[in-house]
PDB file of N, CA and C in Angstrom:
ATOM      1  N   MET A   1       0.834  -1.117  -0.004  1.00  0.00           N
ATOM      2  CA  MET A   1      -0.024   0.019  -0.026  1.00  0.00           C
ATOM      3  C   MET A   1       0.879   1.273  -0.003  1.00  0.00           C
ATOM      4  N   LYS A   2       0.628   2.157  -0.851  1.00  0.00           N
ATOM      5  CA  LYS A   2       1.420   3.387  -0.947  1.00  0.00           C
ATOM      6  C   LYS A   2       0.502   4.589  -0.639  1.00  0.00           C
ATOM      7  N   ILE A   3       0.922   5.478   0.194  1.00  0.00           N
ATOM      8  CA  ILE A   3       0.238   6.657   0.562  1.00  0.00           C
ATOM      9  C   ILE A   3       0.869   7.822  -0.036  1.00  0.00           C
ATOM     10  N   GLU A   4       0.078   8.611  -0.777  1.00  0.00           N
ATOM     11  CA  GLU A   4       0.649   9.810  -1.412  1.00  0.00           C
ATOM     12  C   GLU A   4      -0.058  11.085  -0.783  1.00  0.00           C
ATOM     13  N   PHE A   5       0.801  12.110  -0.529  1.00  0.00           N
ATOM     14  CA  PHE A   5       0.324  13.305  -0.017  1.00  0.00           C
ATOM     15  C   PHE A   5      -0.059  14.265  -1.149  1.00  0.00           C
ATOM     16  N   ASP A   6      -1.151  14.912  -0.990  1.00  0.00           N
ATOM     17  CA  ASP A   6      -1.675  15.798  -1.999  1.00  0.00           C
ATOM     18  C   ASP A   6      -0.995  17.248  -1.614  1.00  0.00           C
ATOM     19  N   ASP A   7      -0.044  17.678  -2.440  1.00  0.00           N
ATOM     20  CA  ASP A   7       0.580  18.918  -2.214  1.00  0.00           C
ATOM     21  C   ASP A   7      -0.096  20.117  -2.832  1.00  0.00           C
ATOM     22  N   THR A   8      -1.414  19.946  -3.152  1.00  0.00           N
ATOM     23  CA  THR A   8      -2.149  21.097  -3.688  1.00  0.00           C
ATOM     24  C   THR A   8      -2.641  22.036  -2.622  1.00  0.00           C
ATOM     25  N   VAL A   9      -2.398  21.697  -1.341  1.00  0.00           N
ATOM     26  CA  VAL A   9      -2.832  22.577  -0.239  1.00  0.00           C
ATOM     27  C   VAL A   9      -1.915  23.823  -0.274  1.00  0.00           C
ATOM     28  N   GLN A  10      -2.715  24.949  -0.205  1.00  0.00           N
ATOM     29  CA  GLN A  10      -2.013  26.222  -0.135  1.00  0.00           C
ATOM     30  C   GLN A  10      -1.030  26.273   1.073  1.00  0.00           C
ATOM     31  N   GLU A  11       0.100  26.980   0.907  1.00  0.00           N
ATOM     32  CA  GLU A  11       1.134  27.029   1.975  1.00  0.00           C
ATOM     33  C   GLU A  11       0.464  27.550   3.272  1.00  0.00           C
ATOM     34  N   GLY A  12      -0.375  28.570   3.275  1.00  0.00           N
ATOM     35  CA  GLY A  12      -0.987  29.097   4.439  1.00  0.00           C
ATOM     36  C   GLY A  12      -1.898  28.162   5.187  1.00  0.00           C
ATOM     37  N   GLU A  13      -2.373  27.121   4.457  1.00  0.00           N
ATOM     38  CA  GLU A  13      -3.264  26.138   4.960  1.00  0.00           C
ATOM     39  C   GLU A  13      -2.538  25.007   5.769  1.00  0.00           C
ATOM     40  N   LYS A  14      -1.255  24.883   5.518  1.00  0.00           N
ATOM     41  CA  LYS A  14      -0.457  23.834   6.164  1.00  0.00           C
ATOM     42  C   LYS A  14      -0.231  24.088   7.681  1.00  0.00           C
ATOM     43  N   ASN A  15      -0.159  23.032   8.426  1.00  0.00           N
ATOM     44  CA  ASN A  15       0.181  23.164   9.792  1.00  0.00           C
ATOM     45  C   ASN A  15       1.620  23.561   9.923  1.00  0.00           C
ATOM     46  N   PRO A  16       1.887  24.680  10.558  1.00  0.00           N
ATOM     47  CA  PRO A  16       3.277  25.179  10.688  1.00  0.00           C
ATOM     48  C   PRO A  16       4.141  24.171  11.539  1.00  0.00           C
ATOM     49  N   ALA A  17       3.581  23.398  12.295  1.00  0.00           N
ATOM     50  CA  ALA A  17       4.346  22.449  13.241  1.00  0.00           C
ATOM     51  C   ALA A  17       5.021  21.420  12.269  1.00  0.00           C
ATOM     52  N   LEU A  18       4.527  21.204  11.075  1.00  0.00           N
ATOM     53  CA  LEU A  18       5.111  20.159  10.148  1.00  0.00           C
ATOM     54  C   LEU A  18       6.528  20.627   9.803  1.00  0.00           C
ATOM     55  N   LYS A  19       6.804  21.911   9.817  1.00  0.00           N
ATOM     56  CA  LYS A  19       8.224  22.372   9.483  1.00  0.00           C
ATOM     57  C   LYS A  19       9.117  22.517  10.589  1.00  0.00           C
ATOM     58  N   GLU A  20       8.693  22.242  11.770  1.00  0.00           N
ATOM     59  CA  GLU A  20       9.565  22.324  12.967  1.00  0.00           C
ATOM     60  C   GLU A  20      10.439  21.047  13.049  1.00  0.00           C
ATOM     61  N   LYS A  21      11.616  21.342  13.593  1.00  0.00           N
ATOM     62  CA  LYS A  21      12.671  20.319  13.804  1.00  0.00           C
ATOM     63  C   LYS A  21      12.122  19.380  14.904  1.00  0.00           C
ATOM     64  N   VAL A  22      12.274  18.099  14.792  1.00  0.00           N
ATOM     65  CA  VAL A  22      11.872  17.140  15.738  1.00  0.00           C
ATOM     66  C   VAL A  22      13.003  17.137  16.842  1.00  0.00           C
ATOM     67  N   GLU A  23      12.561  17.305  18.028  1.00  0.00           N
ATOM     68  CA  GLU A  23      13.582  17.214  19.174  1.00  0.00           C
ATOM     69  C   GLU A  23      13.663  15.781  19.597  1.00  0.00           C
ATOM     70  N   LYS A  24      14.879  15.293  19.773  1.00  0.00           N
ATOM     71  CA  LYS A  24      15.172  13.927  20.175  1.00  0.00           C
ATOM     72  C   LYS A  24      15.145  13.809  21.684  1.00  0.00           C
ATOM     73  N   ASP A  25      13.983  14.003  22.283  1.00  0.00           N
ATOM     74  CA  ASP A  25      13.971  13.944  23.804  1.00  0.00           C
ATOM     75  C   ASP A  25      13.478  12.645  24.341  1.00  0.00           C
ATOM     76  N   THR A  26      13.281  11.650  23.502  1.00  0.00           N
ATOM     77  CA  THR A  26      12.975  10.347  24.003  1.00  0.00           C
ATOM     78  C   THR A  26      13.749   9.279  23.167  1.00  0.00           C
ATOM     79  N   GLU A  27      13.869   8.121  23.670  1.00  0.00           N
ATOM     80  CA  GLU A  27      14.693   7.102  22.871  1.00  0.00           C
ATOM     81  C   GLU A  27      13.998   6.723  21.603  1.00  0.00           C
ATOM     82  N   LEU A  28      12.626   6.759  21.579  1.00  0.00           N
ATOM     83  CA  LEU A  28      11.889   6.386  20.398  1.00  0.00           C
ATOM     84  C   LEU A  28      12.059   7.516  19.328  1.00  0.00           C
ATOM     85  N   LYS A  29      12.017   8.759  19.821  1.00  0.00           N
ATOM     86  CA  LYS A  29      12.250   9.893  18.846  1.00  0.00           C
ATOM     87  C   LYS A  29      13.629   9.845  18.249  1.00  0.00           C
ATOM     88  N   GLU A  30      14.646   9.513  19.074  1.00  0.00           N
ATOM     89  CA  GLU A  30      15.992   9.345  18.577  1.00  0.00           C
ATOM     90  C   GLU A  30      16.049   8.383  17.463  1.00  0.00           C
ATOM     91  N   MET A  31      15.471   7.180  17.704  1.00  0.00           N
ATOM     92  CA  MET A  31      15.498   6.169  16.657  1.00  0.00           C
ATOM     93  C   MET A  31      14.789   6.603  15.405  1.00  0.00           C
ATOM     94  N   ILE A  32      13.631   7.220  15.537  1.00  0.00           N
ATOM     95  CA  ILE A  32      12.897   7.672  14.404  1.00  0.00           C
ATOM     96  C   ILE A  32      13.624   8.719  13.569  1.00  0.00           C
ATOM     97  N   VAL A  33      14.091   9.757  14.281  1.00  0.00           N
ATOM     98  CA  VAL A  33      14.866  10.839  13.711  1.00  0.00           C
ATOM     99  C   VAL A  33      16.118  10.325  12.948  1.00  0.00           C
ATOM    100  N   ARG A  34      16.777   9.366  13.574  1.00  0.00           N
ATOM    101  CA  ARG A  34      17.961   8.773  12.939  1.00  0.00           C
ATOM    102  C   ARG A  34      17.545   8.050  11.693  1.00  0.00           C
ATOM    103  N   TYR A  35      16.499   7.272  11.710  1.00  0.00           N
ATOM    104  CA  TYR A  35      16.068   6.476  10.550  1.00  0.00           C
ATOM    105  C   TYR A  35      15.619   7.426   9.497  1.00  0.00           C
ATOM    106  N   VAL A  36      14.820   8.446   9.768  1.00  0.00           N
ATOM    107  CA  VAL A  36      14.329   9.391   8.815  1.00  0.00           C
ATOM    108  C   VAL A  36      15.447  10.156   8.198  1.00  0.00           C
ATOM    109  N   GLY A  37      16.415  10.583   9.069  1.00  0.00           N
ATOM    110  CA  GLY A  37      17.567  11.331   8.608  1.00  0.00           C
ATOM    111  C   GLY A  37      18.402  10.522   7.561  1.00  0.00           C
ATOM    112  N   GLU A  38      18.497   9.270   7.767  1.00  0.00           N
ATOM    113  CA  GLU A  38      19.262   8.381   6.927  1.00  0.00           C
ATOM    114  C   GLU A  38      18.529   8.233   5.510  1.00  0.00           C
ATOM    115  N   LYS A  39      17.253   8.226   5.630  1.00  0.00           N
ATOM    116  CA  LYS A  39      16.363   8.097   4.346  1.00  0.00           C
ATOM    117  C   LYS A  39      16.317   9.419   3.556  1.00  0.00           C
ATOM    118  N   LYS A  40      16.092  10.501   4.327  1.00  0.00           N
ATOM    119  CA  LYS A  40      15.788  11.813   3.628  1.00  0.00           C
ATOM    120  C   LYS A  40      16.992  12.598   3.441  1.00  0.00           C
ATOM    121  N   LYS A  41      18.036  12.401   4.206  1.00  0.00           N
ATOM    122  CA  LYS A  41      19.356  13.129   4.095  1.00  0.00           C
ATOM    123  C   LYS A  41      19.103  14.609   3.934  1.00  0.00           C
ATOM    124  N   PRO A  42      18.504  15.288   5.019  1.00  0.00           N
ATOM    125  CA  PRO A  42      18.276  16.703   4.889  1.00  0.00           C
ATOM    126  C   PRO A  42      19.591  17.414   4.828  1.00  0.00           C
ATOM    127  N   GLU A  43      19.561  18.563   4.041  1.00  0.00           N
ATOM    128  CA  GLU A  43      20.848  19.333   3.913  1.00  0.00           C
ATOM    129  C   GLU A  43      21.339  19.936   5.235  1.00  0.00           C
ATOM    130  N   ASN A  44      20.487  20.342   5.988  1.00  0.00           N
ATOM    131  CA  ASN A  44      20.892  20.951   7.337  1.00  0.00           C
ATOM    132  C   ASN A  44      20.970  19.952   8.517  1.00  0.00           C
ATOM    133  N   ASP A  45      20.713  18.674   8.177  1.00  0.00           N
ATOM    134  CA  ASP A  45      20.707  17.648   9.194  1.00  0.00           C
ATOM    135  C   ASP A  45      19.563  17.697  10.097  1.00  0.00           C
ATOM    136  N   GLU A  46      18.538  18.568   9.858  1.00  0.00           N
ATOM    137  CA  GLU A  46      17.400  18.673  10.770  1.00  0.00           C
ATOM    138  C   GLU A  46      16.210  17.923  10.135  1.00  0.00           C
ATOM    139  N   VAL A  47      15.682  17.013  10.970  1.00  0.00           N
ATOM    140  CA  VAL A  47      14.488  16.311  10.484  1.00  0.00           C
ATOM    141  C   VAL A  47      13.268  16.919  11.124  1.00  0.00           C
ATOM    142  N   THR A  48      12.359  17.206  10.174  1.00  0.00           N
ATOM    143  CA  THR A  48      11.064  17.869  10.527  1.00  0.00           C
ATOM    144  C   THR A  48       9.953  16.784  10.699  1.00  0.00           C
ATOM    145  N   LEU A  49       8.903  17.223  11.339  1.00  0.00           N
ATOM    146  CA  LEU A  49       7.748  16.350  11.532  1.00  0.00           C
ATOM    147  C   LEU A  49       7.205  15.878  10.149  1.00  0.00           C
ATOM    148  N   GLU A  50       7.233  16.867   9.246  1.00  0.00           N
ATOM    149  CA  GLU A  50       6.694  16.489   7.841  1.00  0.00           C
ATOM    150  C   GLU A  50       7.578  15.389   7.241  1.00  0.00           C
ATOM    151  N   MET A  51       8.906  15.310   7.352  1.00  0.00           N
ATOM    152  CA  MET A  51       9.727  14.268   6.929  1.00  0.00           C
ATOM    153  C   MET A  51       9.325  12.956   7.637  1.00  0.00           C
ATOM    154  N   VAL A  52       9.157  12.996   8.918  1.00  0.00           N
ATOM    155  CA  VAL A  52       8.768  11.849   9.671  1.00  0.00           C
ATOM    156  C   VAL A  52       7.521  11.227   9.174  1.00  0.00           C
ATOM    157  N   LEU A  53       6.519  12.090   8.983  1.00  0.00           N
ATOM    158  CA  LEU A  53       5.185  11.645   8.498  1.00  0.00           C
ATOM    159  C   LEU A  53       5.301  11.014   7.167  1.00  0.00           C
ATOM    160  N   GLU A  54       6.122  11.606   6.227  1.00  0.00           N
ATOM    161  CA  GLU A  54       6.270  11.091   4.886  1.00  0.00           C
ATOM    162  C   GLU A  54       6.883   9.747   4.913  1.00  0.00           C
ATOM    163  N   VAL A  55       7.929   9.571   5.716  1.00  0.00           N
ATOM    164  CA  VAL A  55       8.748   8.231   5.732  1.00  0.00           C
ATOM    165  C   VAL A  55       7.754   7.195   6.412  1.00  0.00           C
ATOM    166  N   ILE A  56       7.156   7.516   7.527  1.00  0.00           N
ATOM    167  CA  ILE A  56       6.320   6.589   8.132  1.00  0.00           C
ATOM    168  C   ILE A  56       5.102   6.081   7.274  1.00  0.00           C
ATOM    169  N   ALA A  57       4.548   7.102   6.531  1.00  0.00           N
ATOM    170  CA  ALA A  57       3.476   6.762   5.609  1.00  0.00           C
ATOM    171  C   ALA A  57       4.005   5.846   4.483  1.00  0.00           C
ATOM    172  N   GLU A  58       5.259   6.094   4.084  1.00  0.00           N
ATOM    173  CA  GLU A  58       5.773   5.256   3.035  1.00  0.00           C
ATOM    174  C   GLU A  58       6.123   3.894   3.555  1.00  0.00           C
ATOM    175  N   ASP A  59       6.862   3.833   4.664  1.00  0.00           N
ATOM    176  CA  ASP A  59       7.373   2.521   5.163  1.00  0.00           C
ATOM    177  C   ASP A  59       6.414   1.758   6.066  1.00  0.00           C
ATOM    178  N   PHE A  60       5.477   2.466   6.623  1.00  0.00           N
ATOM    179  CA  PHE A  60       4.538   1.788   7.550  1.00  0.00           C
ATOM    180  C   PHE A  60       3.093   2.369   7.369  1.00  0.00           C
ATOM    181  N   PRO A  61       2.552   2.151   6.160  1.00  0.00           N
ATOM    182  CA  PRO A  61       1.197   2.643   5.912  1.00  0.00           C
ATOM    183  C   PRO A  61       0.135   2.083   6.700  1.00  0.00           C
ATOM    184  N   ASP A  62       0.252   0.857   7.166  1.00  0.00           N
ATOM    185  CA  ASP A  62      -0.729   0.196   7.912  1.00  0.00           C
ATOM    186  C   ASP A  62      -0.785   0.774   9.362  1.00  0.00           C
ATOM    187  N   PHE A  63       0.111   1.550   9.703  1.00  0.00           N
ATOM    188  CA  PHE A  63       0.023   2.380  11.013  1.00  0.00           C
ATOM    189  C   PHE A  63      -0.654   3.743  10.731  1.00  0.00           C
ATOM    190  N   VAL A  64      -0.327   4.368   9.654  1.00  0.00           N
ATOM    191  CA  VAL A  64      -0.828   5.666   9.344  1.00  0.00           C
ATOM    192  C   VAL A  64      -2.311   5.662   8.903  1.00  0.00           C
ATOM    193  N   MET A  65      -2.695   4.712   8.128  1.00  0.00           N
ATOM    194  CA  MET A  65      -4.032   4.682   7.533  1.00  0.00           C
ATOM    195  C   MET A  65      -5.135   4.704   8.633  1.00  0.00           C
ATOM    196  N   PRO A  66      -5.029   3.871   9.598  1.00  0.00           N
ATOM    197  CA  PRO A  66      -6.137   3.930  10.536  1.00  0.00           C
ATOM    198  C   PRO A  66      -6.308   5.238  11.302  1.00  0.00           C
ATOM    199  N   ILE A  67      -5.123   5.920  11.510  1.00  0.00           N
ATOM    200  CA  ILE A  67      -5.226   7.232  12.139  1.00  0.00           C
ATOM    201  C   ILE A  67      -5.833   8.252  11.172  1.00  0.00           C
ATOM    202  N   ALA A  68      -5.412   8.260   9.939  1.00  0.00           N
ATOM    203  CA  ALA A  68      -5.930   9.144   8.930  1.00  0.00           C
ATOM    204  C   ALA A  68      -7.472   8.860   8.797  1.00  0.00           C
ATOM    205  N   GLU A  69      -7.882   7.613   8.675  1.00  0.00           N
ATOM    206  CA  GLU A  69      -9.229   7.258   8.547  1.00  0.00           C
ATOM    207  C   GLU A  69     -10.094   7.789   9.675  1.00  0.00           C
ATOM    208  N   GLU A  70      -9.593   7.668  10.883  1.00  0.00           N
ATOM    209  CA  GLU A  70     -10.293   8.025  12.121  1.00  0.00           C
ATOM    210  C   GLU A  70     -10.445   9.514  12.131  1.00  0.00           C
ATOM    211  N   ASN A  71      -9.346  10.217  11.690  1.00  0.00           N
ATOM    212  CA  ASN A  71      -9.384  11.675  11.655  1.00  0.00           C
ATOM    213  C   ASN A  71     -10.416  12.147  10.647  1.00  0.00           C
ATOM    214  N   TRP A  72     -10.470  11.416   9.495  1.00  0.00           N
ATOM    215  CA  TRP A  72     -11.414  11.809   8.470  1.00  0.00           C
ATOM    216  C   TRP A  72     -12.896  11.595   8.958  1.00  0.00           C
ATOM    217  N   ILE A  73     -13.171  10.440   9.597  1.00  0.00           N
ATOM    218  CA  ILE A  73     -14.447  10.170  10.106  1.00  0.00           C
ATOM    219  C   ILE A  73     -14.923  11.234  11.193  1.00  0.00           C
ATOM    220  N   ARG A  74     -13.964  11.447  12.057  1.00  0.00           N
ATOM    221  CA  ARG A  74     -14.307  12.495  13.115  1.00  0.00           C
ATOM    222  C   ARG A  74     -14.605  13.867  12.491  1.00  0.00           C
ATOM    223  N   GLY A  75     -13.774  14.199  11.486  1.00  0.00           N
ATOM    224  CA  GLY A  75     -14.045  15.524  10.828  1.00  0.00           C
ATOM    225  C   GLY A  75     -15.391  15.552  10.104  1.00  0.00           C
ATOM    226  N   TYR A  76     -15.727  14.506   9.496  1.00  0.00           N
ATOM    227  CA  TYR A  76     -16.995  14.313   8.788  1.00  0.00           C
ATOM    228  C   TYR A  76     -18.181  14.456   9.776  1.00  0.00           C
ATOM    229  N   GLN A  77     -18.092  13.647  10.880  1.00  0.00           N
ATOM    230  CA  GLN A  77     -19.042  13.738  11.926  1.00  0.00           C
ATOM    231  C   GLN A  77     -19.190  15.093  12.464  1.00  0.00           C
ATOM    232  N   GLN A  78     -18.102  15.858  12.667  1.00  0.00           N
ATOM    233  CA  GLN A  78     -18.156  17.195  13.168  1.00  0.00           C
ATOM    234  C   GLN A  78     -18.933  18.105  12.169  1.00  0.00           C
ATOM    235  N   ALA A  79     -18.576  17.979  10.913  1.00  0.00           N
ATOM    236  CA  ALA A  79     -19.257  18.709   9.865  1.00  0.00           C
ATOM    237  C   ALA A  79     -20.744  18.484   9.955  1.00  0.00           C
ATOM    238  N   LEU A  80     -21.141  17.220   9.983  1.00  0.00           N
ATOM    239  CA  LEU A  80     -22.630  16.933  10.127  1.00  0.00           C
ATOM    240  C   LEU A  80     -23.273  17.573  11.387  1.00  0.00           C
ATOM    241  N   ALA A  81     -22.563  17.485  12.452  1.00  0.00           N
ATOM    242  CA  ALA A  81     -23.025  18.086  13.680  1.00  0.00           C
ATOM    243  C   ALA A  81     -23.168  19.620  13.544  1.00  0.00           C
ATOM    244  N   ASP A  82     -22.160  20.196  12.869  1.00  0.00           N
ATOM    245  CA  ASP A  82     -22.236  21.680  12.622  1.00  0.00           C
ATOM    246  C   ASP A  82     -23.436  22.041  11.825  1.00  0.00           C
ATOM    247  N   VAL A  83     -23.694  21.299  10.717  1.00  0.00           N
ATOM    248  CA  VAL A  83     -24.845  21.433   9.932  1.00  0.00           C
ATOM    249  C   VAL A  83     -26.184  21.445  10.695  1.00  0.00           C
ATOM    250  N   ASP A  84     -26.236  20.319  11.496  1.00  0.00           N
ATOM    251  CA  ASP A  84     -27.451  20.211  12.369  1.00  0.00           C
ATOM    252  C   ASP A  84     -27.685  21.338  13.331  1.00  0.00           C
ATOM    253  N   GLU A  85     -26.536  21.749  13.940  1.00  0.00           N
ATOM    254  CA  GLU A  85     -26.650  22.887  14.836  1.00  0.00           C
ATOM    255  C   GLU A  85     -27.042  24.184  14.068  1.00  0.00           C
ATOM    256  N   GLY A  86     -26.424  24.452  12.985  1.00  0.00           N
ATOM    257  CA  GLY A  86     -26.850  25.574  12.039  1.00  0.00           C
ATOM    258  C   GLY A  86     -28.264  25.596  11.729  1.00  0.00           C
ATOM    259  N   GLN A  87     -28.813  24.406  11.371  1.00  0.00           N
ATOM    260  CA  GLN A  87     -30.254  24.278  10.981  1.00  0.00           C
ATOM    261  C   GLN A  87     -31.103  24.530  12.271  1.00  0.00           C
ATOM    262  N   ARG A  88     -30.729  24.072  13.420  1.00  0.00           N
ATOM    263  CA  ARG A  88     -31.471  24.277  14.618  1.00  0.00           C
ATOM    264  C   ARG A  88     -31.477  25.786  14.945  1.00  0.00           C
ATOM    265  N   LEU A  89     -30.356  26.450  14.856  1.00  0.00           N
ATOM    266  CA  LEU A  89     -30.295  27.882  15.084  1.00  0.00           C
ATOM    267  C   LEU A  89     -31.101  28.680  14.060  1.00  0.00           C
ATOM    268  N   GLU A  90     -31.159  28.272  12.864  1.00  0.00           N
ATOM    269  CA  GLU A  90     -31.895  28.917  11.814  1.00  0.00           C
ATOM    270  C   GLU A  90     -33.482  28.812  12.149  1.00  0.00           C
ATOM    271  N   ARG A  91     -33.831  27.563  12.515  1.00  0.00           N
ATOM    272  CA  ARG A  91     -35.274  27.338  12.820  1.00  0.00           C
ATOM    273  C   ARG A  91     -35.665  28.147  14.085  1.00  0.00           C
ATOM    274  N   GLU A  92     -34.747  28.251  15.036  1.00  0.00           N
ATOM    275  CA  GLU A  92     -35.026  29.070  16.229  1.00  0.00           C
ATOM    276  C   GLU A  92     -35.188  30.548  15.890  1.00  0.00           C
ATOM    277  N   GLU A  93     -34.252  31.045  15.039  1.00  0.00           N
ATOM    278  CA  GLU A  93     -34.361  32.411  14.598  1.00  0.00           C
ATOM    279  C   GLU A  93     -35.608  32.687  13.823  1.00  0.00           C
ATOM    280  N   MET A  94     -36.001  31.727  12.953  1.00  0.00           N
ATOM    281  CA  MET A  94     -37.216  31.862  12.116  1.00  0.00           C
ATOM    282  C   MET A  94     -38.495  31.907  13.109  1.00  0.00           C
ATOM    283  N   GLY A  95     -38.417  31.043  14.150  1.00  0.00           N
ATOM    284  CA  GLY A  95     -39.578  31.073  15.055  1.00  0.00           C
ATOM    285  C   GLY A  95     -39.644  32.434  15.792  1.00  0.00           C
ATOM    286  N   LYS A  96     -38.493  33.002  16.113  1.00  0.00           N
ATOM    287  CA  LYS A  96     -38.520  34.331  16.717  1.00  0.00           C
ATOM    288  C   LYS A  96     -39.085  35.387  15.804  1.00  0.00           C
ATOM    289  N   GLU A  97     -38.666  35.257  14.598  1.00  0.00           N
ATOM    290  CA  GLU A  97     -39.206  36.229  13.566  1.00  0.00           C
ATOM    291  C   GLU A  97     -40.705  36.173  13.315  1.00  0.00           C
ATOM    292  N   GLU A  98     -41.153  34.920  13.305  1.00  0.00           N
ATOM    293  CA  GLU A  98     -42.649  34.702  13.119  1.00  0.00           C
ATOM    294  C   GLU A  98     -43.385  35.209  14.311  1.00  0.00           C
ATOM    295  N   GLU A  99     -42.813  34.976  15.478  1.00  0.00           N
ATOM    296  CA  GLU A  99     -43.465  35.419  16.697  1.00  0.00           C
ATOM    297  C   GLU A  99     -43.534  36.991  16.716  1.00  0.00           C
ATOM    298  N   LYS A 100     -42.411  37.620  16.313  1.00  0.00           N
ATOM    299  CA  LYS A 100     -42.398  39.013  16.200  1.00  0.00           C
ATOM    300  C   LYS A 100     -43.435  39.586  15.224  1.00  0.00           C
ATOM    301  N   GLN A 101     -43.594  38.912  14.112  1.00  0.00           N
ATOM    302  CA  GLN A 101     -44.498  39.301  13.089  1.00  0.00           C
ATOM    303  C   GLN A 101     -45.959  39.255  13.553  1.00  0.00           C
ATOM    304  N   LYS A 102     -46.259  38.155  14.338  1.00  0.00           N
ATOM    305  CA  LYS A 102     -47.594  37.932  14.900  1.00  0.00           C
ATOM    306  C   LYS A 102     -47.943  39.140  15.849  1.00  0.00           C
ATOM    307  N   LYS A 103     -46.972  39.493  16.645  1.00  0.00           N
ATOM    308  CA  LYS A 103     -47.219  40.493  17.633  1.00  0.00           C
ATOM    309  C   LYS A 103     -47.396  41.889  16.891  1.00  0.00           C
ATOM    310  N   GLU A 104     -46.670  42.156  15.837  1.00  0.00           N
ATOM    311  CA  GLU A 104     -46.739  43.369  15.110  1.00  0.00           C
ATOM    312  C   GLU A 104     -48.131  43.451  14.442  1.00  0.00           C
ATOM    313  N   ASN A 105     -48.640  42.257  14.021  1.00  0.00           N
ATOM    314  CA  ASN A 105     -49.971  42.268  13.308  1.00  0.00           C
ATOM    315  C   ASN A 105     -51.211  42.313  14.215  1.00  0.00           C
ATOM    316  N   GLU A 106     -50.984  42.182  15.569  1.00  0.00           N
ATOM    317  CA  GLU A 106     -52.061  42.159  16.410  1.00  0.00           C
ATOM    318  C   GLU A 106     -52.542  43.581  16.737  1.00  0.00           C
TER     319      GLU A 106
END
């Protein structure tokens, strides 16, 4: 399974944390940064989170896919909840307007 990133996202829409250097403050991070550094060979020897994600997605897609799928599902559920809430607020506002109209017509 190969995961490809869609680079059509505008630069301002990307998470700035992706460009930050990964600090090697745990043993696991040290191993990952070393592995990613060997694969990506960054010019400044700094491994970013974006590089880590790219390598893990390429070398270990069965780890990344469930996370991505769960994130997509939660985002979709949130969008549906937002639509429901928007419709509820609209009905509530329409009810207030109708009530106001009735009072004005009395």
